[in-house]
């Protein structure tokens, strides 16, 4: 059964500038690394584009698939029925760049914090709402599927009972014929 893509996330190129600013701030905080800021900026500029290109998030009918990584590729498939919270956050520096972080928490996950978080999703609130809406749609369909399965099981049991009763009738008729 194919799983069509309902919505794909795209990532804001401003994430690159955000990462560069964050790297500068951390370099400035560690006074020793201030002379290295130009080197840090060049490295972040070169690597950030590749990191962004490797990131993807796709909402499918029953799961969310998140891919990322350059050297170490990572793909996480999160069943929508397991998602307990989709957080939307924005720190002061993110606000400056107009970026949001989406974080996904799931039932049964170990440890604190989000299982997956995505920084810089374009129209993050729309992507979040699409995930929550599809999750609700699946939850609404679950009772219908359970009813269908129960009806199917009941029909199978009834057919089996009819078959057993017919066999009993056949044997009773054979016993009466012997008498």
Protein backbone atom coordinates (compact mmCIF):
# COMPACT_ATOMS: atom_id res chain seq x y z
CA UNK A 1 0.00 0.00 0.00
CA UNK A 2 1.53 3.31 -1.02
CA UNK A 3 1.76 6.11 1.48
CA UNK A 4 1.20 9.42 -0.35
CA UNK A 5 2.97 12.57 0.79
CA UNK A 6 0.39 14.97 2.21
CA UNK A 7 2.79 17.84 2.93
CA UNK A 8 6.53 18.41 2.67
CA UNK A 9 8.46 20.87 4.79
CA UNK A 10 10.87 23.29 3.20
CA UNK A 11 13.54 25.03 5.21
CA UNK A 12 14.22 28.76 5.36
CA UNK A 13 17.69 29.73 4.10
CA UNK A 14 17.86 32.18 7.03
CA UNK A 15 18.76 29.16 9.16
CA UNK A 16 22.25 29.49 7.72
CA UNK A 17 22.54 33.08 9.00
CA UNK A 18 21.09 32.01 12.35
CA UNK A 19 23.75 29.30 12.70
CA UNK A 20 26.47 31.78 11.73
CA UNK A 21 25.25 34.31 14.31
CA UNK A 22 25.04 31.62 16.98
CA UNK A 23 28.59 30.47 16.16
CA UNK A 24 29.84 34.08 16.41
CA UNK A 25 28.12 34.58 19.75
CA UNK A 26 29.60 31.40 21.21
CA UNK A 27 33.02 32.30 19.83
CA UNK A 28 32.76 35.76 21.36
CA UNK A 29 31.71 34.32 24.71
CA UNK A 30 34.84 32.19 24.80
CA UNK A 31 37.23 35.13 24.57
CA UNK A 32 40.07 32.93 23.35
CA UNK A 33 38.21 32.08 20.12
CA UNK A 34 37.46 35.68 19.06
CA UNK A 35 40.36 35.66 16.55
CA UNK A 36 38.89 32.48 15.03
CA UNK A 37 35.50 34.06 14.22
CA UNK A 38 36.32 34.54 10.49
CA UNK A 39 37.36 30.89 10.20
CA UNK A 40 34.27 29.76 12.11
CA UNK A 41 32.04 31.84 9.83
CA UNK A 42 33.57 30.35 6.67
CA UNK A 43 33.20 26.81 7.98
CA UNK A 44 29.60 27.37 9.09
CA UNK A 45 28.76 29.05 5.76
CA UNK A 46 30.14 26.11 3.77
CA UNK A 47 28.64 23.36 5.91
CA UNK A 48 25.26 24.96 6.66
CA UNK A 49 24.13 24.90 3.03
CA UNK A 50 24.83 21.17 2.79
CA UNK A 51 23.10 20.51 6.09
CA UNK A 52 20.00 22.40 4.92
CA UNK A 53 19.99 20.56 1.59
CA UNK A 54 20.13 17.21 3.43
CA UNK A 55 17.18 18.05 5.70
CA UNK A 56 13.66 17.01 4.78
CA UNK A 57 10.38 16.33 6.53
CA UNK A 58 7.39 14.72 4.87
CA UNK A 59 3.94 14.20 6.30
CA UNK A 60 2.52 10.94 5.01
CA UNK A 61 -0.95 9.55 5.73
CA UNK A 62 0.16 7.57 8.78
CA UNK A 63 3.62 8.87 9.69
CA UNK A 64 6.07 11.74 9.63
CA UNK A 65 9.40 11.01 7.94
CA UNK A 66 12.35 13.23 8.89
CA UNK A 67 15.72 12.94 7.13
CA UNK A 68 18.93 14.80 7.87
CA UNK A 69 22.67 14.47 8.02
CA UNK A 70 25.69 14.86 5.76
CA UNK A 71 28.26 12.38 7.01
CA UNK A 72 25.95 10.41 9.26
CA UNK A 73 22.57 10.14 7.57
CA UNK A 74 19.59 9.85 9.87
CA UNK A 75 16.03 9.00 8.96
CA UNK A 76 13.28 8.88 11.54
CA UNK A 77 9.80 7.65 10.85
CA UNK A 78 7.34 8.72 13.52
CA UNK A 79 3.88 7.12 13.48
CA UNK A 80 1.30 9.90 13.85
CA UNK A 81 -0.69 7.99 16.48
CA UNK A 82 2.44 7.98 18.70
CA UNK A 83 2.94 11.76 18.54
CA UNK A 84 1.83 13.31 21.84
CA UNK A 85 2.95 16.89 21.26
CA UNK A 86 4.12 19.09 18.41
CA UNK A 87 5.80 22.10 19.96
CA UNK A 88 6.40 25.40 18.19
CA UNK A 89 9.06 27.56 19.82
CA UNK A 90 10.99 30.69 19.00
CA UNK A 91 13.87 32.16 20.99
CA UNK A 92 14.98 35.80 20.84
CA UNK A 93 17.64 35.19 18.20
CA UNK A 94 15.23 33.04 16.18
CA UNK A 95 12.68 35.85 16.37
CA UNK A 96 15.27 38.20 14.89
CA UNK A 97 15.54 35.90 11.85
CA UNK A 98 11.84 34.96 11.76
CA UNK A 99 12.55 31.28 12.45
CA UNK A 100 10.67 28.68 14.48
CA UNK A 101 11.61 25.29 15.90
CA UNK A 102 9.14 22.42 15.63
CA UNK A 103 9.68 19.68 18.20
CA UNK A 104 7.95 16.30 18.25
CA UNK A 105 7.41 14.26 21.39
CA UNK A 106 6.06 10.75 21.28
CA UNK A 107 4.41 8.28 23.61
CA UNK A 108 6.92 5.85 25.03
CA UNK A 109 9.99 7.91 24.19
CA UNK A 110 12.84 7.63 26.65
CA UNK A 111 14.48 10.67 28.13
CA UNK A 112 13.37 14.27 28.32
CA UNK A 113 12.93 16.66 25.44
CA UNK A 114 11.86 16.18 21.88
CA UNK A 115 12.48 13.02 19.88
CA UNK A 116 12.96 15.14 16.77
CA UNK A 117 13.19 18.88 16.28
CA UNK A 118 13.27 20.87 13.06
CA UNK A 119 14.64 24.38 12.86
CA UNK A 120 13.55 26.82 10.17
CA UNK A 121 10.56 25.09 8.61
CA UNK A 122 8.88 27.57 6.27
CA UNK A 123 5.31 28.21 7.47
CA UNK A 124 6.02 26.12 10.59
CA UNK A 125 2.59 26.73 12.13
CA UNK A 126 0.86 25.47 8.95
CA UNK A 127 3.06 22.35 8.91
CA UNK A 128 2.30 21.80 12.62
CA UNK A 129 -1.46 22.17 12.01
CA UNK A 130 -1.32 19.76 9.06
CA UNK A 131 0.36 17.15 11.28
CA UNK A 132 -2.15 17.60 14.09
CA UNK A 133 -5.08 17.52 11.63
CA UNK A 134 -3.85 14.28 10.03
CA UNK A 135 -3.29 12.80 13.50
CA UNK A 136 -6.90 13.68 14.39
CA UNK A 137 -8.14 12.19 11.10
CA UNK A 138 -6.36 8.92 11.89
CA UNK A 139 -7.79 8.89 15.41
CA UNK A 140 -11.30 9.37 13.97
CA UNK A 141 -10.78 6.51 11.50
CA UNK A 142 -9.52 4.08 14.15
CA UNK A 143 -12.97 3.24 15.63
CA UNK A 144 -14.35 2.64 12.11
CA UNK A 145 -11.49 0.23 11.38
CA UNK A 146 -12.08 -1.55 14.70
CA UNK A 147 -15.81 -1.89 13.89
CA UNK A 148 -14.94 -3.28 10.45
CA UNK A 149 -12.50 -5.77 11.96
CA UNK A 150 -15.04 -6.77 14.62
CA UNK A 151 -17.79 -7.23 12.00
CA UNK A 152 -15.43 -9.29 9.84
CA UNK A 153 -14.51 -11.46 12.84
CA UNK A 154 -18.17 -11.89 13.78
CA UNK A 155 -19.04 -12.97 10.21
CA UNK A 156 -16.17 -15.46 10.21
CA UNK A 157 -17.28 -16.87 13.57
CA UNK A 158 -20.88 -17.13 12.40
CA UNK A 159 -19.79 -18.94 9.22
CA UNK A 160 -17.72 -21.36 11.31
CA UNK A 161 -20.61 -21.98 13.70
CA UNK A 162 -22.95 -22.70 10.78
CA UNK A 163 -20.36 -25.15 9.42
CA UNK A 164 -20.08 -26.92 12.80
CA UNK A 165 -23.86 -27.12 13.22
CA UNK A 166 -24.18 -28.60 9.70
CA UNK A 167 -21.57 -31.24 10.57
CA UNK A 168 -23.41 -32.06 13.79
CA UNK A 169 -26.68 -32.36 11.87
CA UNK A 170 -24.99 -34.65 9.33
CA UNK A 171 -23.61 -36.91 12.09
CA UNK A 172 -26.93 -36.95 13.94
CA UNK A 173 -28.68 -37.91 10.74
CA UNK A 174 -26.11 -40.68 10.19
CA UNK A 175 -26.61 -41.98 13.76
CA UNK A 176 -30.40 -41.98 13.38
CA UNK A 177 -30.09 -43.80 10.08
CA UNK A 178 -28.07 -46.58 11.84
CA UNK A 179 -30.79 -47.15 14.42
